Amino acid sequence: MAMERAQRFVEALTRLEETGEVDALLALFSDDAQVSNVVSHRTFQGKDGARKFWKEYKGMLEQVKSTFRNMIESGDRVALEWESAGTAHNGAAVSYEGVSIIEWEGDVITRFYAYFDPRLLGEELSHGTAQRSEVPATTPA
């Protein structure tokens, strides 16, 4: 089934965002997975690293919900174009957008990397003042 791996990741991430439950997401990662993003100063290794990465993500905002504009699956790679919106711990509304690249080996993720503008996220977290780009004129895949 096309998009099966992309959808599995999205469903597990949604569960984390809604309930804080990380186990469904961790079950997708290999024992030697590499997990990181553009603001991290290191690569998180393995399931323990993935747990730390995703708990930090969830803990960064009081509430968060991601929506996906495009999901592209080709071979063992998935690209997700997303926007995450929520509330910071200081009560400010937060919204930022980016792209995640996920590499799979069979049914497990071996590498996850998220790209976004950290400057905009920082402005949102501290002041709620970052400008948004316009939503592209595409229909989500």
Protein backbone atom coordinates (compact mmCIF):
# COMPACT_ATOMS: atom_id res chain seq x y z
CA MET A 1 0.00 0.00 0.00
CA ALA A 2 1.39 3.38 -1.03
CA MET A 3 2.17 5.78 1.82
CA GLU A 4 1.87 3.06 4.47
CA ARG A 5 5.11 3.97 6.25
CA ALA A 6 4.41 7.70 6.06
CA GLN A 7 0.96 7.14 7.55
CA ARG A 8 2.32 4.93 10.33
CA PHE A 9 4.72 7.68 11.35
CA VAL A 10 2.03 10.39 11.21
CA GLU A 11 -0.35 8.31 13.35
CA ALA A 12 2.34 7.62 15.98
CA LEU A 13 3.36 11.29 16.07
CA THR A 14 -0.28 12.34 16.46
CA ARG A 15 -0.59 9.97 19.41
CA LEU A 16 2.48 11.53 21.02
CA GLU A 17 1.16 15.05 20.47
CA GLU A 18 -2.33 14.27 21.78
CA THR A 19 -1.52 12.03 24.75
CA GLY A 20 2.21 12.25 25.42
CA GLU A 21 2.50 8.48 24.82
CA VAL A 22 5.82 7.89 23.04
CA ASP A 23 5.88 4.08 22.77
CA ALA A 24 4.02 3.84 19.44
CA LEU A 25 6.52 6.23 17.90
CA LEU A 26 9.54 4.49 19.42
CA ALA A 27 8.35 1.14 18.06
CA LEU A 28 9.00 2.51 14.57
CA PHE A 29 12.72 3.18 15.20
CA SER A 30 15.56 0.70 14.77
CA ASP A 31 17.95 -0.09 17.60
CA ASP A 32 20.65 1.94 15.85
CA ALA A 33 18.50 4.79 14.51
CA GLN A 34 19.84 8.31 14.14
CA VAL A 35 17.44 11.11 15.11
CA SER A 36 18.03 14.84 14.91
CA ASN A 37 16.88 18.20 13.60
CA VAL A 38 18.34 21.49 12.49
CA VAL A 39 18.52 22.97 16.02
CA SER A 40 19.96 19.95 17.79
CA HIS A 41 23.66 20.06 18.51
CA ARG A 42 23.88 16.28 18.35
CA THR A 43 22.43 13.19 16.77
CA PHE A 44 20.38 11.04 19.11
CA GLN A 45 21.31 7.36 18.78
CA GLY A 46 19.13 4.26 19.01
CA LYS A 47 15.79 3.82 20.73
CA ASP A 48 17.00 5.55 23.90
CA GLY A 49 18.12 8.53 21.84
CA ALA A 50 14.82 8.57 19.96
CA ARG A 51 12.95 8.53 23.28
CA LYS A 52 14.93 11.53 24.53
CA PHE A 53 14.46 13.41 21.23
CA TRP A 54 10.68 12.91 21.12
CA LYS A 55 10.19 13.67 24.82
CA GLU A 56 12.09 16.92 24.32
CA TYR A 57 9.93 17.73 21.29
CA LYS A 58 6.73 17.12 23.24
CA GLY A 59 8.04 18.98 26.28
CA MET A 60 8.99 22.07 24.29
CA LEU A 61 5.35 23.17 23.95
CA GLU A 62 2.39 23.01 26.30
CA GLN A 63 0.21 21.79 23.41
CA VAL A 64 1.17 20.88 19.85
CA LYS A 65 -0.56 19.50 16.76
CA SER A 66 1.08 18.82 13.42
CA THR A 67 -0.72 18.88 10.09
CA PHE A 68 0.76 17.54 6.90
CA ARG A 69 0.56 19.32 3.54
CA ASN A 70 2.44 16.69 1.58
CA MET A 71 3.59 13.15 2.24
CA ILE A 72 5.95 11.67 -0.32
CA GLU A 73 7.10 8.08 -0.13
CA SER A 74 9.67 6.75 -2.56
CA GLY A 75 11.49 3.51 -1.95
CA ASP A 76 12.89 3.56 1.57
CA ARG A 77 12.49 7.30 2.03
CA VAL A 78 9.61 9.45 3.20
CA ALA A 79 9.40 13.25 3.03
CA LEU A 80 6.77 15.03 5.11
CA GLU A 81 5.94 18.71 4.67
CA TRP A 82 4.25 19.91 7.85
CA GLU A 83 3.12 22.73 10.05
CA SER A 84 3.08 22.40 13.81
CA ALA A 85 0.92 24.71 15.89
CA GLY A 86 0.31 24.90 19.59
CA THR A 87 0.87 26.84 22.76
CA ALA A 88 4.18 27.60 24.44
CA HIS A 89 4.57 27.21 28.20
CA ASN A 90 4.38 31.02 28.46
CA GLY A 91 0.93 30.94 26.83
CA ALA A 92 2.06 32.31 23.45
CA ALA A 93 0.57 30.78 20.32
CA VAL A 94 3.22 29.00 18.29
CA SER A 95 3.22 27.91 14.66
CA TYR A 96 6.18 26.80 12.58
CA GLU A 97 6.64 24.74 9.44
CA GLY A 98 9.22 22.46 7.94
CA VAL A 99 10.08 19.20 6.26
CA SER A 100 11.11 15.89 7.79
CA ILE A 101 13.09 13.25 5.93
CA ILE A 102 12.70 9.70 7.18
CA GLU A 103 14.84 6.77 6.01
CA TRP A 104 13.47 3.27 6.50
CA GLU A 105 14.97 -0.18 6.40
CA GLY A 106 12.07 -2.57 6.06
CA ASP A 107 9.56 -1.69 8.78
CA VAL A 108 11.86 0.43 10.96
CA ILE A 109 13.21 3.97 10.76
CA THR A 110 16.99 4.18 10.58
CA ARG A 111 17.25 7.97 10.27
CA PHE A 112 14.95 10.91 11.01
CA TYR A 113 15.92 14.53 10.36
CA ALA A 114 13.69 17.61 10.52
CA TYR A 115 14.43 20.89 8.74
CA PHE A 116 12.79 24.19 9.77
CA ASP A 117 13.74 27.80 10.46
CA PRO A 118 14.82 27.82 14.11
CA ARG A 119 14.83 31.63 14.21
CA LEU A 120 11.08 31.74 13.56
CA LEU A 121 10.40 29.11 16.20
CA GLY A 122 12.46 31.06 18.72
CA GLU A 123 10.53 34.25 17.98
CA GLU A 124 7.26 32.39 18.37
CA LEU A 125 8.26 30.80 21.67
CA SER A 126 9.44 34.05 23.19
CA HIS A 127 7.04 36.61 21.69
CA GLY A 128 4.51 35.00 19.35
CA THR A 129 5.57 37.43 16.60
CA ALA A 130 7.06 35.39 13.75
CA GLN A 131 5.60 35.96 10.29
CA ARG A 132 4.31 32.94 8.38
CA SER A 133 4.96 31.97 4.83
CA GLU A 134 1.90 31.41 2.68
CA VAL A 135 0.57 27.91 2.34
CA PRO A 136 1.66 26.51 -1.04
CA ALA A 137 -1.04 26.07 -3.67
CA THR A 138 -0.81 22.28 -3.59
CA THR A 139 -3.12 19.58 -2.39
CA PRO A 140 -1.63 17.23 0.22
CA ALA A 141 -0.57 13.94 -1.28
